[in-house]
C-alpha atoms as a PDB file:
ATOM      1  CA  MET A   1      77.542 -41.837   0.942  1.00  0.00           C
ATOM      2  CA  THR A   2      73.730 -40.164  -0.225  1.00  0.00           C
ATOM      3  CA  VAL A   3      71.678 -41.866  -2.336  1.00  0.00           C
ATOM      4  CA  GLN A   4      69.227 -39.874  -4.191  1.00  0.00           C
ATOM      5  CA  THR A   5      65.865 -41.114  -5.748  1.00  0.00           C
ATOM      6  CA  VAL A   6      65.865 -39.827  -9.733  1.00  0.00           C
ATOM      7  CA  HIS A   7      62.242 -39.494 -11.406  1.00  0.00           C
ATOM      8  CA  SER A   8      61.929 -40.075 -14.677  1.00  0.00           C
ATOM      9  CA  PRO A   9      60.152 -36.827 -16.169  1.00  0.00           C
ATOM     10  CA  THR A  10      57.691 -39.485 -17.920  1.00  0.00           C
ATOM     11  CA  GLY A  11      56.390 -40.730 -14.086  1.00  0.00           C
ATOM     12  CA  HIS A  12      57.900 -44.325 -14.760  1.00  0.00           C
ATOM     13  CA  SER A  13      60.582 -45.507 -11.805  1.00  0.00           C
ATOM     14  CA  PRO A  14      64.590 -45.078 -13.120  1.00  0.00           C
ATOM     15  CA  THR A  15      64.347 -49.326 -13.418  1.00  0.00           C
ATOM     16  CA  GLY A  16      61.149 -48.592 -16.244  1.00  0.00           C
ATOM     17  CA  HIS A  17      58.379 -50.309 -14.596  1.00  0.00           C
ATOM     18  CA  SER A  18      55.280 -47.969 -13.927  1.00  0.00           C
ATOM     19  CA  PRO A  19      53.586 -47.463 -10.327  1.00  0.00           C
ATOM     20  CA  ALA A  20      51.194 -50.106  -8.821  1.00  0.00           C
ATOM     21  CA  PRO A  21      47.759 -49.574 -10.747  1.00  0.00           C
ATOM     22  CA  GLU A  22      44.776 -48.101  -8.443  1.00  0.00           C
ATOM     23  CA  ARG A  23      42.506 -50.720  -7.317  1.00  0.00           C
ATOM     24  CA  PRO A  24      39.088 -49.650  -8.886  1.00  0.00           C
ATOM     25  CA  GLY A  25      37.008 -49.827  -5.501  1.00  0.00           C
ATOM     26  CA  ALA A  26      39.644 -47.568  -3.824  1.00  0.00           C
ATOM     27  CA  ARG A  27      38.538 -44.894  -7.082  1.00  0.00           C
ATOM     28  CA  ARG A  28      34.768 -45.475  -6.470  1.00  0.00           C
ATOM     29  CA  ARG A  29      35.102 -44.604  -2.975  1.00  0.00           C
ATOM     30  CA  ARG A  30      37.173 -41.738  -3.718  1.00  0.00           C
ATOM     31  CA  ASN A  31      34.335 -40.902  -5.980  1.00  0.00           C
ATOM     32  CA  ARG A  32      31.053 -40.865  -3.428  1.00  0.00           C
ATOM     33  CA  ARG A  33      33.409 -39.131  -0.633  1.00  0.00           C
ATOM     34  CA  ARG A  34      33.260 -36.198  -3.437  1.00  0.00           C
ATOM     35  CA  ALA A  35      29.837 -36.308  -3.938  1.00  0.00           C
ATOM     36  CA  LEU A  36      28.585 -36.395  -0.393  1.00  0.00           C
ATOM     37  CA  THR A  37      30.647 -33.408   0.466  1.00  0.00           C
ATOM     38  CA  ALA A  38      28.957 -31.343  -2.540  1.00  0.00           C
ATOM     39  CA  THR A  39      25.728 -32.904  -1.438  1.00  0.00           C
ATOM     40  CA  LEU A  40      26.650 -31.620   2.531  1.00  0.00           C
ATOM     41  CA  VAL A  41      27.912 -27.983   1.272  1.00  0.00           C
ATOM     42  CA  LEU A  42      24.332 -27.766  -0.876  1.00  0.00           C
ATOM     43  CA  ALA A  43      21.944 -28.703   2.482  1.00  0.00           C
ATOM     44  CA  LEU A  44      23.832 -26.625   4.202  1.00  0.00           C
ATOM     45  CA  ALA A  45      23.136 -23.628   2.113  1.00  0.00           C
ATOM     46  CA  ALA A  46      19.360 -24.932   1.681  1.00  0.00           C
ATOM     47  CA  ALA A  47      19.577 -25.044   5.420  1.00  0.00           C
ATOM     48  CA  GLY A  48      20.854 -21.385   6.132  1.00  0.00           C
ATOM     49  CA  THR A  49      18.092 -20.260   3.278  1.00  0.00           C
ATOM     50  CA  ALA A  50      15.335 -21.904   4.952  1.00  0.00           C
ATOM     51  CA  CYS A  51      16.240 -20.306   8.504  1.00  0.00           C
ATOM     52  CA  GLY A  52      16.274 -16.985   7.125  1.00  0.00           C
ATOM     53  CA  SER A  53      13.219 -17.274   5.635  1.00  0.00           C
ATOM     54  CA  ASP A  54      10.923 -17.509   8.876  1.00  0.00           C
ATOM     55  CA  GLU A  55      11.071 -14.022   8.935  1.00  0.00           C
ATOM     56  CA  PRO A  56       8.335 -12.167   6.602  1.00  0.00           C
ATOM     57  CA  SER A  57       9.508 -10.154   3.977  1.00  0.00           C
ATOM     58  CA  ARG A  58       9.038  -6.614   5.271  1.00  0.00           C
ATOM     59  CA  TYR A  59       6.511  -3.545   4.278  1.00  0.00           C
ATOM     60  CA  PHE A  60       6.996  -0.653   1.876  1.00  0.00           C
ATOM     61  CA  GLN A  61       3.867   0.450   0.571  1.00  0.00           C
ATOM     62  CA  THR A  62       2.828   3.812   1.826  1.00  0.00           C
ATOM     63  CA  CYS A  63      -0.849   4.361   1.592  1.00  0.00           C
ATOM     64  CA  GLY A  64      -3.201   6.976   3.099  1.00  0.00           C
ATOM     65  CA  VAL A  65      -6.380   7.084   4.976  1.00  0.00           C
ATOM     66  CA  VAL A  66      -9.328   9.847   4.106  1.00  0.00           C
ATOM     67  CA  VAL A  67     -12.250  10.232   6.394  1.00  0.00           C
ATOM     68  CA  ASP A  68     -15.041  12.542   6.051  1.00  0.00           C
ATOM     69  CA  GLY A  69     -16.921  14.430   9.085  1.00  0.00           C
ATOM     70  CA  SER A  70     -19.606  16.090   7.221  1.00  0.00           C
ATOM     71  CA  GLY A  71     -23.686  15.323   8.123  1.00  0.00           C
ATOM     72  CA  SER A  72     -24.337  12.956   5.689  1.00  0.00           C
ATOM     73  CA  ALA A  73     -21.320  10.756   7.532  1.00  0.00           C
ATOM     74  CA  ASP A  74     -23.654  10.368  10.296  1.00  0.00           C
ATOM     75  CA  ALA A  75     -25.167   6.618  11.177  1.00  0.00           C
ATOM     76  CA  SER A  76     -28.608   8.013  10.428  1.00  0.00           C
ATOM     77  CA  ARG A  77     -31.077   7.128   7.857  1.00  0.00           C
ATOM     78  CA  THR A  78     -29.607   9.476   5.644  1.00  0.00           C
ATOM     79  CA  GLY A  79     -26.119   8.970   6.559  1.00  0.00           C
ATOM     80  CA  PHE A  80     -23.889   6.629   5.022  1.00  0.00           C
ATOM     81  CA  ASP A  81     -22.508   6.036   8.656  1.00  0.00           C
ATOM     82  CA  ALA A  82     -18.454   6.416   7.921  1.00  0.00           C
ATOM     83  CA  GLU A  83     -17.896   4.751  11.474  1.00  0.00           C
ATOM     84  CA  ALA A  84     -19.295   1.647  10.447  1.00  0.00           C
ATOM     85  CA  LYS A  85     -17.295   1.863   6.868  1.00  0.00           C
ATOM     86  CA  LEU A  86     -14.016   2.595   8.640  1.00  0.00           C
ATOM     87  CA  LYS A  87     -14.377  -0.532  10.795  1.00  0.00           C
ATOM     88  CA  ALA A  88     -15.562  -2.749   8.328  1.00  0.00           C
ATOM     89  CA  THR A  89     -12.928  -1.407   5.847  1.00  0.00           C
ATOM     90  CA  LEU A  90      -9.989   0.506   6.684  1.00  0.00           C
ATOM     91  CA  GLN A  91      -7.912  -3.004   8.870  1.00  0.00           C
ATOM     92  CA  THR A  92      -8.630  -4.919   4.982  1.00  0.00           C
ATOM     93  CA  PHE A  93      -7.263  -2.882   3.502  1.00  0.00           C
ATOM     94  CA  LEU A  94      -4.079  -2.089   5.601  1.00  0.00           C
ATOM     95  CA  ALA A  95      -3.868  -5.819   5.378  1.00  0.00           C
ATOM     96  CA  ASP A  96      -4.661  -6.445   1.450  1.00  0.00           C
ATOM     97  CA  LYS A  97      -2.237  -3.084   0.145  1.00  0.00           C
ATOM     98  CA  LYS A  98       1.124  -4.355   2.686  1.00  0.00           C
ATOM     99  CA  CYS A  99       0.777  -0.585   3.806  1.00  0.00           C
ATOM    100  CA  ARG A 100       3.562   0.633   6.028  1.00  0.00           C
ATOM    101  CA  LYS A 101       3.829   4.289   6.699  1.00  0.00           C
ATOM    102  CA  THR A 102       0.332   5.360   6.722  1.00  0.00           C
ATOM    103  CA  SER A 103      -0.800   9.231   7.037  1.00  0.00           C
ATOM    104  CA  PHE A 104      -4.525  10.063   7.655  1.00  0.00           C
ATOM    105  CA  ALA A 105      -6.259  13.216   6.244  1.00  0.00           C
ATOM    106  CA  PRO A 106      -9.884  14.659   7.305  1.00  0.00           C
ATOM    107  CA  ILE A 107     -12.839  16.187   4.966  1.00  0.00           C
ATOM    108  CA  THR A 108     -13.980  19.095   7.130  1.00  0.00           C
ATOM    109  CA  LYS A 109     -15.582  22.440   5.837  1.00  0.00           C
ATOM    110  CA  VAL A 110     -11.799  23.302   4.960  1.00  0.00           C
ATOM    111  CA  SER A 111     -10.129  20.375   4.795  1.00  0.00           C
ATOM    112  CA  GLU A 112      -6.465  21.860   3.970  1.00  0.00           C
ATOM    113  CA  ALA A 113      -6.694  23.840   6.958  1.00  0.00           C
ATOM    114  CA  SER A 114      -8.463  21.917   9.580  1.00  0.00           C
ATOM    115  CA  LYS A 115      -6.800  21.788  12.990  1.00  0.00           C
ATOM    116  CA  CYS A 116      -7.826  17.684  12.751  1.00  0.00           C
ATOM    117  CA  GLN A 117      -5.134  16.138  12.651  1.00  0.00           C
ATOM    118  CA  VAL A 118      -3.607  12.673  13.647  1.00  0.00           C
ATOM    119  CA  SER A 119       0.358  11.544  12.922  1.00  0.00           C
ATOM    120  CA  PRO A 120       1.424   9.200  10.543  1.00  0.00           C
ATOM    121  CA  LEU A 121       2.113   5.776  11.440  1.00  0.00           C
ATOM    122  CA  ASP A 122       4.800   3.076  10.643  1.00  0.00           C
ATOM    123  CA  LEU A 123       2.540  -0.259  10.341  1.00  0.00           C
ATOM    124  CA  ASP A 124       5.475  -3.180  10.410  1.00  0.00           C
ATOM    125  CA  PRO A 125       8.230  -1.302  12.710  1.00  0.00           C
ATOM    126  CA  ASN A 126      11.847  -2.683  13.473  1.00  0.00           C
ATOM    127  CA  THR A 127      11.672  -5.200  15.929  1.00  0.00           C
ATOM    128  CA  SER A 128      13.798  -7.393  18.183  1.00  0.00           C
ATOM    129  CA  LYS A 129      14.039 -10.733  16.291  1.00  0.00           C
ATOM    130  CA  THR A 130      12.459 -12.593  18.464  1.00  0.00           C
ATOM    131  CA  ALA A 131       9.201 -10.761  18.210  1.00  0.00           C
ATOM    132  CA  ASP A 132       6.374 -11.994  16.414  1.00  0.00           C
ATOM    133  CA  ARG A 133       5.633  -9.607  13.349  1.00  0.00           C
ATOM    134  CA  GLU A 134       2.590 -10.497  12.155  1.00  0.00           C
ATOM    135  CA  ARG A 135       1.448  -9.581  15.384  1.00  0.00           C
ATOM    136  CA  THR A 136       3.069  -6.450  15.602  1.00  0.00           C
ATOM    137  CA  ARG A 137       0.991  -5.496  11.943  1.00  0.00           C
ATOM    138  CA  THR A 138      -2.146  -7.198  13.636  1.00  0.00           C
ATOM    139  CA  THR A 139      -1.546  -4.657  16.851  1.00  0.00           C
ATOM    140  CA  MET A 140      -0.697  -1.207  14.177  1.00  0.00           C
ATOM    141  CA  ARG A 141      -3.686  -1.777  12.394  1.00  0.00           C
ATOM    142  CA  ALA A 142      -5.985  -1.984  15.124  1.00  0.00           C
ATOM    143  CA  VAL A 143      -3.848   1.097  16.507  1.00  0.00           C
ATOM    144  CA  ALA A 144      -4.450   3.104  12.834  1.00  0.00           C
ATOM    145  CA  LEU A 145      -7.980   2.174  12.955  1.00  0.00           C
ATOM    146  CA  SER A 146      -8.403   3.807  16.408  1.00  0.00           C
ATOM    147  CA  ASN A 147      -6.377   7.078  15.050  1.00  0.00           C
ATOM    148  CA  ALA A 148      -8.422   7.315  12.318  1.00  0.00           C
ATOM    149  CA  LEU A 149     -11.589   6.886  14.340  1.00  0.00           C
ATOM    150  CA  LYS A 150     -10.484   9.816  16.804  1.00  0.00           C
ATOM    151  CA  LEU A 151      -9.754  12.151  13.357  1.00  0.00           C
ATOM    152  CA  LEU A 152     -13.716  11.292  12.237  1.00  0.00           C
ATOM    153  CA  ARG A 153     -14.816  12.136  15.661  1.00  0.00           C
ATOM    154  CA  CYS A 154     -12.827  15.588  15.520  1.00  0.00           C
ATOM    155  CA  ALA A 155     -13.677  15.929  11.893  1.00  0.00           C
ATOM    156  CA  GLN A 156     -17.579  15.771  13.237  1.00  0.00           C
ATOM    157  CA  GLU A 157     -17.470  17.497  16.099  1.00  0.00           C
ATOM    158  CA  GLN A 158     -15.427  20.892  15.732  1.00  0.00           C
ATOM    159  CA  GLU A 159     -15.603  21.239  11.651  1.00  0.00           C
ATOM    160  CA  PRO A 160     -18.111  19.631   9.864  1.00  0.00           C
ATOM    161  CA  GLY A 161     -18.547  19.939   6.205  1.00  0.00           C
ATOM    162  CA  SER A 162     -17.760  18.438   3.216  1.00  0.00           C
ATOM    163  CA  ASP A 163     -14.784  19.530   1.150  1.00  0.00           C
ATOM    164  CA  VAL A 164     -13.772  16.522  -0.387  1.00  0.00           C
ATOM    165  CA  LEU A 165     -11.628  17.759  -3.340  1.00  0.00           C
ATOM    166  CA  GLY A 166      -9.287  19.574   0.368  1.00  0.00           C
ATOM    167  CA  GLY A 167      -9.186  16.365   1.603  1.00  0.00           C
ATOM    168  CA  LEU A 168      -7.563  14.942  -1.150  1.00  0.00           C
ATOM    169  CA  SER A 169      -5.357  17.962  -1.981  1.00  0.00           C
ATOM    170  CA  ARG A 170      -3.695  17.312   1.872  1.00  0.00           C
ATOM    171  CA  ILE A 171      -3.326  13.422   1.910  1.00  0.00           C
ATOM    172  CA  ALA A 172      -1.641  14.303  -1.608  1.00  0.00           C
ATOM    173  CA  LEU A 173       1.326  15.947   0.921  1.00  0.00           C
ATOM    174  CA  SER A 174       2.225  12.811   1.890  1.00  0.00           C
ATOM    175  CA  LYS A 175       2.485  10.990  -1.418  1.00  0.00           C
ATOM    176  CA  PRO A 176       5.801   9.799  -2.003  1.00  0.00           C
ATOM    177  CA  SER A 177       8.202  11.476  -4.600  1.00  0.00           C
ATOM    178  CA  GLY A 178       8.757  10.216  -8.153  1.00  0.00           C
ATOM    179  CA  ASP A 179       6.845   9.353 -11.233  1.00  0.00           C
ATOM    180  CA  ASP A 180       6.890   5.421 -10.136  1.00  0.00           C
ATOM    181  CA  ALA A 181       6.241   5.896  -6.658  1.00  0.00           C
ATOM    182  CA  SER A 182       3.068   4.270  -5.634  1.00  0.00           C
ATOM    183  CA  PHE A 183       0.285   5.528  -3.174  1.00  0.00           C
ATOM    184  CA  ASP A 184      -2.480   3.430  -2.263  1.00  0.00           C
ATOM    185  CA  VAL A 185      -5.492   6.006  -0.815  1.00  0.00           C
ATOM    186  CA  LEU A 186      -8.476   4.842   1.071  1.00  0.00           C
ATOM    187  CA  VAL A 187     -11.334   7.505   1.014  1.00  0.00           C
ATOM    188  CA  VAL A 188     -14.141   7.141   3.117  1.00  0.00           C
ATOM    189  CA  SER A 189     -16.810   9.892   1.741  1.00  0.00           C
ATOM    190  CA  ASP A 190     -19.947   9.740  -0.077  1.00  0.00           C
ATOM    191  CA  PHE A 191     -17.620  12.347  -2.052  1.00  0.00           C
ATOM    192  CA  ASP A 192     -20.581  15.254  -1.982  1.00  0.00           C
ATOM    193  CA  GLN A 193     -18.772  18.371  -2.187  1.00  0.00           C
ATOM    194  CA  GLY A 194     -20.330  20.758  -0.097  1.00  0.00           C
ATOM    195  CA  ASP A 195     -18.090  23.618   1.208  1.00  0.00           C
ATOM    196  CA  THR A 196     -19.092  27.537   1.445  1.00  0.00           C
ATOM    197  CA  ASP A 197     -17.715  28.068  -2.522  1.00  0.00           C
ATOM    198  CA  PHE A 198     -18.768  24.992  -4.340  1.00  0.00           C
ATOM    199  CA  ARG A 199     -21.929  22.729  -3.778  1.00  0.00           C
ATOM    200  CA  LEU A 200     -22.220  19.745  -6.020  1.00  0.00           C
ATOM    201  CA  GLY A 201     -25.489  19.590  -5.717  1.00  0.00           C
ATOM    202  CA  ARG A 202     -26.279  22.974  -7.488  1.00  0.00           C
ATOM    203  CA  GLN A 203     -24.109  22.183 -10.539  1.00  0.00           C
ATOM    204  CA  ASP A 204     -25.308  21.679 -14.068  1.00  0.00           C
ATOM    205  CA  LEU A 205     -23.804  18.086 -15.173  1.00  0.00           C
ATOM    206  CA  SER A 206     -26.481  17.427 -17.231  1.00  0.00           C
ATOM    207  CA  THR A 207     -24.164  17.204 -20.374  1.00  0.00           C
ATOM    208  CA  ALA A 208     -20.542  15.952 -20.940  1.00  0.00           C
ATOM    209  CA  ALA A 209     -19.663  19.666 -21.984  1.00  0.00           C
ATOM    210  CA  SER A 210     -21.386  21.355 -19.000  1.00  0.00           C
ATOM    211  CA  ARG A 211     -19.376  18.922 -16.553  1.00  0.00           C
ATOM    212  CA  ARG A 212     -15.891  19.870 -18.329  1.00  0.00           C
ATOM    213  CA  THR A 213     -16.902  23.851 -17.408  1.00  0.00           C
ATOM    214  CA  VAL A 214     -17.923  22.867 -13.844  1.00  0.00           C
ATOM    215  CA  ILE A 215     -15.080  20.660 -13.807  1.00  0.00           C
ATOM    216  CA  ASP A 216     -12.662  23.364 -14.891  1.00  0.00           C
ATOM    217  CA  GLY A 217     -14.111  26.482 -12.343  1.00  0.00           C
ATOM    218  CA  PHE A 218     -13.948  24.069  -9.554  1.00  0.00           C
ATOM    219  CA  LEU A 219     -10.456  23.060  -9.880  1.00  0.00           C
ATOM    220  CA  LYS A 220      -9.090  26.612 -10.719  1.00  0.00           C
ATOM    221  CA  SER A 221     -10.760  28.012  -7.409  1.00  0.00           C
ATOM    222  CA  HIS A 222      -9.687  24.926  -5.455  1.00  0.00           C
ATOM    223  CA  GLY A 223      -6.827  23.578  -6.998  1.00  0.00           C
ATOM    224  CA  LYS A 224      -5.610  20.243  -8.455  1.00  0.00           C
ATOM    225  CA  PRO A 225      -4.274  17.524  -5.960  1.00  0.00           C
ATOM    226  CA  GLU A 226      -0.706  16.127  -6.825  1.00  0.00           C
ATOM    227  CA  LEU A 227      -2.365  12.755  -6.995  1.00  0.00           C
ATOM    228  CA  SER A 228      -1.325  11.574 -10.524  1.00  0.00           C
ATOM    229  CA  GLY A 229      -0.471   8.456 -10.767  1.00  0.00           C
ATOM    230  CA  ALA A 230      -2.161   7.241  -7.114  1.00  0.00           C
ATOM    231  CA  ASP A 231      -4.759   4.507  -6.404  1.00  0.00           C
ATOM    232  CA  ILE A 232      -7.806   5.663  -4.928  1.00  0.00           C
ATOM    233  CA  TYR A 233     -10.503   3.562  -3.187  1.00  0.00           C
ATOM    234  CA  PRO A 234     -13.735   5.156  -2.359  1.00  0.00           C
ATOM    235  CA  VAL A 235     -15.781   3.373   0.545  1.00  0.00           C
ATOM    236  CA  GLY A 236     -19.327   5.122   0.589  1.00  0.00           C
ATOM    237  CA  TYR A 237     -19.327   6.598  -2.716  1.00  0.00           C
ATOM    238  CA  GLY A 238     -22.780   8.417  -3.834  1.00  0.00           C
ATOM    239  CA  MET A 239     -24.511   6.285  -1.708  1.00  0.00           C
ATOM    240  CA  LYS A 240     -27.123   9.692  -0.769  1.00  0.00           C
ATOM    241  CA  TYR A 241     -28.719   8.632  -4.198  1.00  0.00           C
ATOM    242  CA  GLY A 242     -29.706   5.345  -3.350  1.00  0.00           C
ATOM    243  CA  THR A 243     -31.950   4.192  -6.299  1.00  0.00           C
ATOM    244  CA  ASP A 244     -31.784   7.854  -7.867  1.00  0.00           C
ATOM    245  CA  THR A 245     -29.899   6.411 -11.359  1.00  0.00           C
ATOM    246  CA  SER A 246     -29.960   9.547 -13.190  1.00  0.00           C
ATOM    247  CA  ARG A 247     -28.440  11.605 -10.718  1.00  0.00           C
ATOM    248  CA  TYR A 248     -25.686   8.718  -9.789  1.00  0.00           C
ATOM    249  CA  GLU A 249     -24.279   8.492 -13.319  1.00  0.00           C
ATOM    250  CA  GLN A 250     -24.017  12.514 -13.894  1.00  0.00           C
ATOM    251  CA  PHE A 251     -21.976  12.400 -10.065  1.00  0.00           C
ATOM    252  CA  ASN A 252     -19.982   9.164 -10.973  1.00  0.00           C
ATOM    253  CA  SER A 253     -19.268  11.143 -14.700  1.00  0.00           C
ATOM    254  CA  PHE A 254     -18.325  14.102 -12.648  1.00  0.00           C
ATOM    255  CA  TRP A 255     -15.977  12.509 -10.322  1.00  0.00           C
ATOM    256  CA  THR A 256     -14.598  10.015 -12.889  1.00  0.00           C
ATOM    257  CA  GLU A 257     -13.516  13.240 -15.003  1.00  0.00           C
ATOM    258  CA  LEU A 258     -12.272  15.019 -12.783  1.00  0.00           C
ATOM    259  CA  LEU A 259     -10.001  11.997 -10.811  1.00  0.00           C
ATOM    260  CA  GLU A 260      -9.065  10.044 -13.806  1.00  0.00           C
ATOM    261  CA  GLY A 261      -8.906  12.646 -16.487  1.00  0.00           C
ATOM    262  CA  ARG A 262      -7.687  15.634 -15.156  1.00  0.00           C
ATOM    263  CA  VAL A 263      -5.911  14.424 -11.886  1.00  0.00           C
ATOM    264  CA  LYS A 264      -4.466  11.559 -13.626  1.00  0.00           C
ATOM    265  CA  ALA A 265      -5.098   8.924 -10.615  1.00  0.00           C
ATOM    266  CA  HIS A 266      -6.648   5.485 -10.895  1.00  0.00           C
ATOM    267  CA  VAL A 267     -10.058   4.686  -9.293  1.00  0.00           C
ATOM    268  CA  HIS A 268     -11.310   1.272  -7.608  1.00  0.00           C
ATOM    269  CA  THR A 269     -13.988  -0.274  -6.503  1.00  0.00           C
ATOM    270  CA  THR A 270     -12.756  -2.916  -4.477  1.00  0.00           C
ATOM    271  CA  TYR A 271     -13.699  -1.672  -1.064  1.00  0.00           C
ATOM    272  CA  ARG A 272     -16.677   0.370  -2.127  1.00  0.00           C
ATOM    273  CA  ARG A 273     -20.282  -0.064  -0.005  1.00  0.00           C
END
């Protein structure tokens, strides 16, 4: 005959006796094992995060470079030496702003129609997981400088001129769409606009009213660059005026009203030399 063991709903045995009490040491050991398991899980998760952090975060900033190929860009006593300024600032700018897609535009006698051009660059390209990303970025920034110098030489040799506004309009074609899309632009130029239809040095910039009139006509004939919200970093700005404080102040007021007041860009002095 088979004998069945009957369990009481109360947890007591049928005979009325309670099971043997757990030893205090066994409970402590079980709690320590649980704590150790939890600690190991957290340590493994942290290790996985640390391994993933070895790879530098990717760059996403869109940038532009505008180079002035006018006569005043020469390395002469009266020039502002665009080549030297490119070499001194461009790679630093690209690194500071964490630039990725970077486009280039020349300032020539008719900048928007200029045949001088170089292709945009990806300064943080996709690479193998074993590649040194920082070294790759440094290499690509050096390539960007080389390309900017090629663009400068083309502008100086083939189409010398100073259509600054046209150069800004051309780089504006590379600005990302959307009101919140940021765009950092380095402009290596003295900003002395001088094309066949408009010469800044011949304009009356003596009063706020006269400057407004000049700007109105200038934008009407040349168009307004689509650079609203962009951050512009001039290099060589106003250098032709030297110590002529009065003329520089008029020049600066003109461009400040045009770029910040009309175009709605943000102008910075970070790299101004």
